Amino acid sequence: MPVLGAAIGAILRYVIPGRETHGLLLLPGLGAATTATAWVVMVVTGWSLGEPWIWTLALVAPAVVCTIAALVLARVRPARDAQRLQQLLSAR
């Protein structure tokens, strides 16, 4: 199941603009971790493996988390990089 989450993260890396603001493996790794966490939580809380909801939620969760992460990084990272560069240059 985490492989599917990693695949979702990899696809979203190239679909969502701003991929230059994060690393190559960030979204696939985040997708795999999100899928694994969602799956374990649902199994431990008693969801049956035969139910379609466990599969649906385990595959929707990485799509939502990776999309939010990519959008936030694309918005925040350039400004923080510029701010940090100014700090480093003024320290000379």
PDB file of N, CA and C in Angstrom:
ATOM      1  N   MET A   1       0.808  -1.198   0.000  1.00  0.00           N
ATOM      2  CA  MET A   1       0.000   0.000   0.000  1.00  0.00           C
ATOM      3  C   MET A   1       0.858   1.271   0.000  1.00  0.00           C
ATOM      4  N   PRO A   2       1.966   1.326   0.754  1.00  0.00           N
ATOM      5  CA  PRO A   2       2.789   2.541   0.701  1.00  0.00           C
ATOM      6  C   PRO A   2       3.361   2.830  -0.691  1.00  0.00           C
ATOM      7  N   VAL A   3       3.520   1.792  -1.500  1.00  0.00           N
ATOM      8  CA  VAL A   3       4.015   2.012  -2.861  1.00  0.00           C
ATOM      9  C   VAL A   3       3.002   2.835  -3.656  1.00  0.00           C
ATOM     10  N   LEU A   4       1.726   2.569  -3.450  1.00  0.00           N
ATOM     11  CA  LEU A   4       0.699   3.361  -4.128  1.00  0.00           C
ATOM     12  C   LEU A   4       0.706   4.806  -3.634  1.00  0.00           C
ATOM     13  N   GLY A   5       0.922   5.007  -2.355  1.00  0.00           N
ATOM     14  CA  GLY A   5       1.024   6.362  -1.816  1.00  0.00           C
ATOM     15  C   GLY A   5       2.226   7.099  -2.381  1.00  0.00           C
ATOM     16  N   ALA A   6       3.345   6.388  -2.532  1.00  0.00           N
ATOM     17  CA  ALA A   6       4.530   6.998  -3.134  1.00  0.00           C
ATOM     18  C   ALA A   6       4.272   7.349  -4.597  1.00  0.00           C
ATOM     19  N   ALA A   7       3.552   6.492  -5.298  1.00  0.00           N
ATOM     20  CA  ALA A   7       3.220   6.775  -6.700  1.00  0.00           C
ATOM     21  C   ALA A   7       2.316   8.004  -6.808  1.00  0.00           C
ATOM     22  N   ILE A   8       1.370   8.126  -5.904  1.00  0.00           N
ATOM     23  CA  ILE A   8       0.491   9.303  -5.892  1.00  0.00           C
ATOM     24  C   ILE A   8       1.313  10.560  -5.646  1.00  0.00           C
ATOM     25  N   GLY A   9       2.233  10.494  -4.687  1.00  0.00           N
ATOM     26  CA  GLY A   9       3.094  11.636  -4.410  1.00  0.00           C
ATOM     27  C   GLY A   9       3.981  11.991  -5.597  1.00  0.00           C
ATOM     28  N   ALA A  10       4.504  10.975  -6.286  1.00  0.00           N
ATOM     29  CA  ALA A  10       5.354  11.220  -7.459  1.00  0.00           C
ATOM     30  C   ALA A  10       4.558  11.867  -8.587  1.00  0.00           C
ATOM     31  N   ILE A  11       3.342  11.424  -8.783  1.00  0.00           N
ATOM     32  CA  ILE A  11       2.499  12.021  -9.824  1.00  0.00           C
ATOM     33  C   ILE A  11       2.182  13.474  -9.480  1.00  0.00           C
ATOM     34  N   LEU A  12       1.841  13.718  -8.224  1.00  0.00           N
ATOM     35  CA  LEU A  12       1.502  15.083  -7.810  1.00  0.00           C
ATOM     36  C   LEU A  12       2.699  16.019  -7.898  1.00  0.00           C
ATOM     37  N   ARG A  13       3.901  15.490  -7.753  1.00  0.00           N
ATOM     38  CA  ARG A  13       5.100  16.317  -7.882  1.00  0.00           C
ATOM     39  C   ARG A  13       5.161  16.972  -9.256  1.00  0.00           C
ATOM     40  N   TYR A  14       4.730  16.258 -10.276  1.00  0.00           N
ATOM     41  CA  TYR A  14       4.804  16.793 -11.631  1.00  0.00           C
ATOM     42  C   TYR A  14       3.508  17.453 -12.093  1.00  0.00           C
ATOM     43  N   VAL A  15       2.442  17.294 -11.351  1.00  0.00           N
ATOM     44  CA  VAL A  15       1.166  17.905 -11.715  1.00  0.00           C
ATOM     45  C   VAL A  15       1.017  19.296 -11.090  1.00  0.00           C
ATOM     46  N   ILE A  16       1.451  19.438  -9.856  1.00  0.00           N
ATOM     47  CA  ILE A  16       1.298  20.692  -9.131  1.00  0.00           C
ATOM     48  C   ILE A  16       2.497  21.592  -9.441  1.00  0.00           C
ATOM     49  N   PRO A  17       2.260  22.832  -9.836  1.00  0.00           N
ATOM     50  CA  PRO A  17       3.382  23.732 -10.135  1.00  0.00           C
ATOM     51  C   PRO A  17       4.177  24.078  -8.878  1.00  0.00           C
ATOM     52  N   GLY A  18       5.447  24.418  -9.078  1.00  0.00           N
ATOM     53  CA  GLY A  18       6.311  24.822  -7.967  1.00  0.00           C
ATOM     54  C   GLY A  18       7.212  23.709  -7.479  1.00  0.00           C
ATOM     55  N   ARG A  19       7.489  22.725  -8.322  1.00  0.00           N
ATOM     56  CA  ARG A  19       8.284  21.592  -7.856  1.00  0.00           C
ATOM     57  C   ARG A  19       9.741  21.956  -7.590  1.00  0.00           C
ATOM     58  N   GLU A  20      10.188  23.136  -8.026  1.00  0.00           N
ATOM     59  CA  GLU A  20      11.551  23.550  -7.741  1.00  0.00           C
ATOM     60  C   GLU A  20      11.731  23.982  -6.286  1.00  0.00           C
ATOM     61  N   THR A  21      10.647  24.037  -5.535  1.00  0.00           N
ATOM     62  CA  THR A  21      10.730  24.468  -4.138  1.00  0.00           C
ATOM     63  C   THR A  21      10.878  23.317  -3.160  1.00  0.00           C
ATOM     64  N   HIS A  22      10.914  22.089  -3.652  1.00  0.00           N
ATOM     65  CA  HIS A  22      11.107  20.946  -2.759  1.00  0.00           C
ATOM     66  C   HIS A  22      11.892  19.856  -3.480  1.00  0.00           C
ATOM     67  N   GLY A  23      12.393  18.923  -2.722  1.00  0.00           N
ATOM     68  CA  GLY A  23      13.240  17.870  -3.257  1.00  0.00           C
ATOM     69  C   GLY A  23      12.480  16.821  -4.049  1.00  0.00           C
ATOM     70  N   LEU A  24      13.238  16.019  -4.748  1.00  0.00           N
ATOM     71  CA  LEU A  24      12.682  15.000  -5.623  1.00  0.00           C
ATOM     72  C   LEU A  24      11.872  13.949  -4.869  1.00  0.00           C
ATOM     73  N   LEU A  25      12.314  13.579  -3.693  1.00  0.00           N
ATOM     74  CA  LEU A  25      11.674  12.486  -2.960  1.00  0.00           C
ATOM     75  C   LEU A  25      10.735  12.934  -1.847  1.00  0.00           C
ATOM     76  N   LEU A  26      10.545  14.234  -1.696  1.00  0.00           N
ATOM     77  CA  LEU A  26       9.698  14.708  -0.596  1.00  0.00           C
ATOM     78  C   LEU A  26       8.257  14.235  -0.736  1.00  0.00           C
ATOM     79  N   LEU A  27       7.625  14.511  -1.850  1.00  0.00           N
ATOM     80  CA  LEU A  27       6.213  14.130  -2.010  1.00  0.00           C
ATOM     81  C   LEU A  27       6.015  12.617  -2.088  1.00  0.00           C
ATOM     82  N   PRO A  28       6.855  11.862  -2.816  1.00  0.00           N
ATOM     83  CA  PRO A  28       6.673  10.404  -2.764  1.00  0.00           C
ATOM     84  C   PRO A  28       6.870   9.832  -1.359  1.00  0.00           C
ATOM     85  N   GLY A  29       7.855  10.340  -0.637  1.00  0.00           N
ATOM     86  CA  GLY A  29       8.064   9.872   0.736  1.00  0.00           C
ATOM     87  C   GLY A  29       6.913  10.242   1.653  1.00  0.00           C
ATOM     88  N   LEU A  30       6.420  11.452   1.498  1.00  0.00           N
ATOM     89  CA  LEU A  30       5.277  11.900   2.295  1.00  0.00           C
ATOM     90  C   LEU A  30       4.030  11.088   1.946  1.00  0.00           C
ATOM     91  N   GLY A  31       3.855  10.792   0.672  1.00  0.00           N
ATOM     92  CA  GLY A  31       2.715   9.972   0.258  1.00  0.00           C
ATOM     93  C   GLY A  31       2.775   8.565   0.830  1.00  0.00           C
ATOM     94  N   ALA A  32       3.962   7.961   0.800  1.00  0.00           N
ATOM     95  CA  ALA A  32       4.121   6.616   1.356  1.00  0.00           C
ATOM     96  C   ALA A  32       3.877   6.607   2.862  1.00  0.00           C
ATOM     97  N   ALA A  33       4.429   7.591   3.552  1.00  0.00           N
ATOM     98  CA  ALA A  33       4.243   7.662   5.004  1.00  0.00           C
ATOM     99  C   ALA A  33       2.788   7.917   5.374  1.00  0.00           C
ATOM    100  N   THR A  34       2.120   8.764   4.613  1.00  0.00           N
ATOM    101  CA  THR A  34       0.712   9.056   4.886  1.00  0.00           C
ATOM    102  C   THR A  34      -0.158   7.828   4.660  1.00  0.00           C
ATOM    103  N   THR A  35       0.089   7.123   3.565  1.00  0.00           N
ATOM    104  CA  THR A  35      -0.687   5.915   3.278  1.00  0.00           C
ATOM    105  C   THR A  35      -0.474   4.864   4.350  1.00  0.00           C
ATOM    106  N   ALA A  36       0.778   4.639   4.722  1.00  0.00           N
ATOM    107  CA  ALA A  36       1.079   3.634   5.746  1.00  0.00           C
ATOM    108  C   ALA A  36       0.444   3.997   7.080  1.00  0.00           C
ATOM    109  N   THR A  37       0.532   5.265   7.453  1.00  0.00           N
ATOM    110  CA  THR A  37      -0.057   5.704   8.718  1.00  0.00           C
ATOM    111  C   THR A  37      -1.573   5.563   8.701  1.00  0.00           C
ATOM    112  N   ALA A  38      -2.206   6.004   7.632  1.00  0.00           N
ATOM    113  CA  ALA A  38      -3.665   5.887   7.536  1.00  0.00           C
ATOM    114  C   ALA A  38      -4.093   4.425   7.578  1.00  0.00           C
ATOM    115  N   TRP A  39      -3.376   3.574   6.862  1.00  0.00           N
ATOM    116  CA  TRP A  39      -3.712   2.151   6.815  1.00  0.00           C
ATOM    117  C   TRP A  39      -3.603   1.521   8.200  1.00  0.00           C
ATOM    118  N   VAL A  40      -2.502   1.783   8.892  1.00  0.00           N
ATOM    119  CA  VAL A  40      -2.297   1.191  10.221  1.00  0.00           C
ATOM    120  C   VAL A  40      -3.348   1.692  11.200  1.00  0.00           C
ATOM    121  N   VAL A  41      -3.635   2.974  11.164  1.00  0.00           N
ATOM    122  CA  VAL A  41      -4.642   3.528  12.085  1.00  0.00           C
ATOM    123  C   VAL A  41      -5.998   2.880  11.839  1.00  0.00           C
ATOM    124  N   MET A  42      -6.370   2.719  10.580  1.00  0.00           N
ATOM    125  CA  MET A  42      -7.676   2.126  10.290  1.00  0.00           C
ATOM    126  C   MET A  42      -7.731   0.645  10.645  1.00  0.00           C
ATOM    127  N   VAL A  43      -6.649  -0.079  10.426  1.00  0.00           N
ATOM    128  CA  VAL A  43      -6.633  -1.500  10.778  1.00  0.00           C
ATOM    129  C   VAL A  43      -6.683  -1.672  12.292  1.00  0.00           C
ATOM    130  N   VAL A  44      -5.910  -0.864  13.002  1.00  0.00           N
ATOM    131  CA  VAL A  44      -5.876  -0.968  14.461  1.00  0.00           C
ATOM    132  C   VAL A  44      -7.224  -0.595  15.071  1.00  0.00           C
ATOM    133  N   THR A  45      -7.935   0.339  14.463  1.00  0.00           N
ATOM    134  CA  THR A  45      -9.233   0.726  15.009  1.00  0.00           C
ATOM    135  C   THR A  45     -10.355  -0.226  14.609  1.00  0.00           C
ATOM    136  N   GLY A  46     -10.034  -1.278  13.875  1.00  0.00           N
ATOM    137  CA  GLY A  46     -11.018  -2.320  13.617  1.00  0.00           C
ATOM    138  C   GLY A  46     -11.640  -2.339  12.241  1.00  0.00           C
ATOM    139  N   TRP A  47     -11.145  -1.561  11.302  1.00  0.00           N
ATOM    140  CA  TRP A  47     -11.705  -1.595   9.950  1.00  0.00           C
ATOM    141  C   TRP A  47     -11.323  -2.914   9.290  1.00  0.00           C
ATOM    142  N   SER A  48     -12.246  -3.477   8.572  1.00  0.00           N
ATOM    143  CA  SER A  48     -12.005  -4.736   7.868  1.00  0.00           C
ATOM    144  C   SER A  48     -11.289  -4.472   6.549  1.00  0.00           C
ATOM    145  N   LEU A  49     -10.384  -5.370   6.187  1.00  0.00           N
ATOM    146  CA  LEU A  49      -9.651  -5.213   4.935  1.00  0.00           C
ATOM    147  C   LEU A  49     -10.547  -5.391   3.712  1.00  0.00           C
ATOM    148  N   GLY A  50     -11.702  -5.981   3.901  1.00  0.00           N
ATOM    149  CA  GLY A  50     -12.622  -6.177   2.796  1.00  0.00           C
ATOM    150  C   GLY A  50     -13.498  -4.976   2.496  1.00  0.00           C
ATOM    151  N   GLU A  51     -13.502  -4.010   3.401  1.00  0.00           N
ATOM    152  CA  GLU A  51     -14.322  -2.822   3.190  1.00  0.00           C
ATOM    153  C   GLU A  51     -13.666  -1.901   2.153  1.00  0.00           C
ATOM    154  N   PRO A  52     -14.445  -1.344   1.260  1.00  0.00           N
ATOM    155  CA  PRO A  52     -13.841  -0.440   0.265  1.00  0.00           C
ATOM    156  C   PRO A  52     -13.387   0.889   0.859  1.00  0.00           C
ATOM    157  N   TRP A  53     -13.950   1.276   2.001  1.00  0.00           N
ATOM    158  CA  TRP A  53     -13.586   2.570   2.581  1.00  0.00           C
ATOM    159  C   TRP A  53     -12.147   2.608   3.054  1.00  0.00           C
ATOM    160  N   ILE A  54     -11.629   1.503   3.540  1.00  0.00           N
ATOM    161  CA  ILE A  54     -10.246   1.493   4.012  1.00  0.00           C
ATOM    162  C   ILE A  54      -9.287   1.753   2.851  1.00  0.00           C
ATOM    163  N   TRP A  55      -9.621   1.186   1.703  1.00  0.00           N
ATOM    164  CA  TRP A  55      -8.790   1.395   0.507  1.00  0.00           C
ATOM    165  C   TRP A  55      -8.934   2.822  -0.013  1.00  0.00           C
ATOM    166  N   THR A  56     -10.170   3.303  -0.029  1.00  0.00           N
ATOM    167  CA  THR A  56     -10.428   4.646  -0.538  1.00  0.00           C
ATOM    168  C   THR A  56      -9.726   5.701   0.313  1.00  0.00           C
ATOM    169  N   LEU A  57      -9.893   5.620   1.612  1.00  0.00           N
ATOM    170  CA  LEU A  57      -9.275   6.610   2.500  1.00  0.00           C
ATOM    171  C   LEU A  57      -7.755   6.511   2.501  1.00  0.00           C
ATOM    172  N   ALA A  58      -7.232   5.299   2.385  1.00  0.00           N
ATOM    173  CA  ALA A  58      -5.781   5.133   2.367  1.00  0.00           C
ATOM    174  C   ALA A  58      -5.161   5.694   1.091  1.00  0.00           C
ATOM    175  N   LEU A  59      -5.947   5.836   0.039  1.00  0.00           N
ATOM    176  CA  LEU A  59      -5.429   6.413  -1.197  1.00  0.00           C
ATOM    177  C   LEU A  59      -5.789   7.885  -1.361  1.00  0.00           C
ATOM    178  N   VAL A  60      -6.825   8.338  -0.703  1.00  0.00           N
ATOM    179  CA  VAL A  60      -7.186   9.755  -0.755  1.00  0.00           C
ATOM    180  C   VAL A  60      -6.303  10.563   0.200  1.00  0.00           C
ATOM    181  N   ALA A  61      -5.942   9.981   1.327  1.00  0.00           N
ATOM    182  CA  ALA A  61      -5.131  10.690   2.322  1.00  0.00           C
ATOM    183  C   ALA A  61      -3.807  11.206   1.753  1.00  0.00           C
ATOM    184  N   PRO A  62      -3.019  10.392   1.032  1.00  0.00           N
ATOM    185  CA  PRO A  62      -1.770  10.948   0.500  1.00  0.00           C
ATOM    186  C   PRO A  62      -1.994  12.006  -0.574  1.00  0.00           C
ATOM    187  N   ALA A  63      -3.070  11.883  -1.321  1.00  0.00           N
ATOM    188  CA  ALA A  63      -3.356  12.904  -2.332  1.00  0.00           C
ATOM    189  C   ALA A  63      -3.631  14.248  -1.666  1.00  0.00           C
ATOM    190  N   VAL A  64      -4.385  14.238  -0.595  1.00  0.00           N
ATOM    191  CA  VAL A  64      -4.714  15.481   0.113  1.00  0.00           C
ATOM    192  C   VAL A  64      -3.470  16.057   0.799  1.00  0.00           C
ATOM    193  N   VAL A  65      -2.741  15.219   1.517  1.00  0.00           N
ATOM    194  CA  VAL A  65      -1.572  15.685   2.270  1.00  0.00           C
ATOM    195  C   VAL A  65      -0.482  16.195   1.328  1.00  0.00           C
ATOM    196  N   CYS A  66      -0.206  15.466   0.261  1.00  0.00           N
ATOM    197  CA  CYS A  66       0.833  15.886  -0.687  1.00  0.00           C
ATOM    198  C   CYS A  66       0.442  17.158  -1.435  1.00  0.00           C
ATOM    199  N   THR A  67      -0.815  17.294  -1.766  1.00  0.00           N
ATOM    200  CA  THR A  67      -1.267  18.517  -2.435  1.00  0.00           C
ATOM    201  C   THR A  67      -1.096  19.723  -1.525  1.00  0.00           C
ATOM    202  N   ILE A  68      -1.505  19.606  -0.285  1.00  0.00           N
ATOM    203  CA  ILE A  68      -1.358  20.701   0.668  1.00  0.00           C
ATOM    204  C   ILE A  68       0.112  21.035   0.874  1.00  0.00           C
ATOM    205  N   ALA A  69       0.944  20.020   1.052  1.00  0.00           N
ATOM    206  CA  ALA A  69       2.377  20.258   1.268  1.00  0.00           C
ATOM    207  C   ALA A  69       3.013  20.950   0.075  1.00  0.00           C
ATOM    208  N   ALA A  70       2.687  20.504  -1.130  1.00  0.00           N
ATOM    209  CA  ALA A  70       3.277  21.108  -2.331  1.00  0.00           C
ATOM    210  C   ALA A  70       2.835  22.552  -2.498  1.00  0.00           C
ATOM    211  N   LEU A  71       1.576  22.831  -2.249  1.00  0.00           N
ATOM    212  CA  LEU A  71       1.081  24.208  -2.395  1.00  0.00           C
ATOM    213  C   LEU A  71       1.668  25.137  -1.347  1.00  0.00           C
ATOM    214  N   VAL A  72       1.789  24.661  -0.121  1.00  0.00           N
ATOM    215  CA  VAL A  72       2.353  25.491   0.945  1.00  0.00           C
ATOM    216  C   VAL A  72       3.832  25.757   0.673  1.00  0.00           C
ATOM    217  N   LEU A  73       4.563  24.730   0.279  1.00  0.00           N
ATOM    218  CA  LEU A  73       5.984  24.926  -0.007  1.00  0.00           C
ATOM    219  C   LEU A  73       6.203  25.870  -1.181  1.00  0.00           C
ATOM    220  N   ALA A  74       5.382  25.761  -2.204  1.00  0.00           N
ATOM    221  CA  ALA A  74       5.518  26.644  -3.365  1.00  0.00           C
ATOM    222  C   ALA A  74       5.250  28.095  -3.005  1.00  0.00           C
ATOM    223  N   ARG A  75       4.434  28.318  -1.996  1.00  0.00           N
ATOM    224  CA  ARG A  75       4.102  29.681  -1.599  1.00  0.00           C
ATOM    225  C   ARG A  75       5.112  30.237  -0.603  1.00  0.00           C
ATOM    226  N   VAL A  76       5.580  29.425   0.332  1.00  0.00           N
ATOM    227  CA  VAL A  76       6.391  29.901   1.445  1.00  0.00           C
ATOM    228  C   VAL A  76       7.892  29.854   1.154  1.00  0.00           C
ATOM    229  N   ARG A  77       8.351  28.844   0.484  1.00  0.00           N
ATOM    230  CA  ARG A  77       9.784  28.606   0.341  1.00  0.00           C
ATOM    231  C   ARG A  77      10.556  29.715  -0.365  1.00  0.00           C
ATOM    232  N   PRO A  78      10.100  30.278  -1.483  1.00  0.00           N
ATOM    233  CA  PRO A  78      10.892  31.335  -2.131  1.00  0.00           C
ATOM    234  C   PRO A  78      11.112  32.562  -1.237  1.00  0.00           C
ATOM    235  N   ALA A  79      10.098  32.963  -0.507  1.00  0.00           N
ATOM    236  CA  ALA A  79      10.243  34.128   0.374  1.00  0.00           C
ATOM    237  C   ALA A  79      11.224  33.837   1.506  1.00  0.00           C
ATOM    238  N   ARG A  80      11.151  32.650   2.073  1.00  0.00           N
ATOM    239  CA  ARG A  80      12.069  32.295   3.159  1.00  0.00           C
ATOM    240  C   ARG A  80      13.501  32.138   2.651  1.00  0.00           C
ATOM    241  N   ASP A  81      13.666  31.621   1.454  1.00  0.00           N
ATOM    242  CA  ASP A  81      15.005  31.521   0.875  1.00  0.00           C
ATOM    243  C   ASP A  81      15.601  32.902   0.645  1.00  0.00           C
ATOM    244  N   ALA A  82      14.805  33.827   0.118  1.00  0.00           N
ATOM    245  CA  ALA A  82      15.285  35.189  -0.113  1.00  0.00           C
ATOM    246  C   ALA A  82      15.632  35.876   1.210  1.00  0.00           C
ATOM    247  N   GLN A  83      14.810  35.669   2.212  1.00  0.00           N
ATOM    248  CA  GLN A  83      15.070  36.254   3.525  1.00  0.00           C
ATOM    249  C   GLN A  83      16.365  35.693   4.116  1.00  0.00           C
ATOM    250  N   ARG A  84      16.552  34.411   4.011  1.00  0.00           N
ATOM    251  CA  ARG A  84      17.766  33.787   4.542  1.00  0.00           C
ATOM    252  C   ARG A  84      19.004  34.253   3.783  1.00  0.00           C
ATOM    253  N   LEU A  85      18.900  34.419   2.474  1.00  0.00           N
ATOM    254  CA  LEU A  85      20.017  34.923   1.684  1.00  0.00           C
ATOM    255  C   LEU A  85      20.398  36.336   2.133  1.00  0.00           C
ATOM    256  N   GLN A  86      19.419  37.182   2.390  1.00  0.00           N
ATOM    257  CA  GLN A  86      19.705  38.529   2.860  1.00  0.00           C
ATOM    258  C   GLN A  86      20.387  38.507   4.227  1.00  0.00           C
ATOM    259  N   GLN A  87      19.971  37.600   5.098  1.00  0.00           N
ATOM    260  CA  GLN A  87      20.613  37.461   6.398  1.00  0.00           C
ATOM    261  C   GLN A  87      22.066  37.049   6.242  1.00  0.00           C
ATOM    262  N   LEU A  88      22.314  36.113   5.372  1.00  0.00           N
ATOM    263  CA  LEU A  88      23.676  35.632   5.169  1.00  0.00           C
ATOM    264  C   LEU A  88      24.563  36.691   4.527  1.00  0.00           C
ATOM    265  N   LEU A  89      24.024  37.446   3.584  1.00  0.00           N
ATOM    266  CA  LEU A  89      24.802  38.474   2.929  1.00  0.00           C
ATOM    267  C   LEU A  89      25.070  39.667   3.847  1.00  0.00           C
ATOM    268  N   SER A  90      24.159  39.992   4.739  1.00  0.00           N
ATOM    269  CA  SER A  90      24.356  41.129   5.644  1.00  0.00           C
ATOM    270  C   SER A  90      25.320  40.783   6.770  1.00  0.00           C
ATOM    271  N   ALA A  91      25.584  39.522   6.990  1.00  0.00           N
ATOM    272  CA  ALA A  91      26.498  39.112   8.053  1.00  0.00           C
ATOM    273  C   ALA A  91      27.962  39.293   7.673  1.00  0.00           C
ATOM    274  N   ARG A  92      28.225  39.628   6.433  1.00  0.00           N
ATOM    275  CA  ARG A  92      29.618  39.795   5.966  1.00  0.00           C
ATOM    276  C   ARG A  92      30.264  40.930   6.605  1.00  0.00           C
TER     277      ARG A  92
END
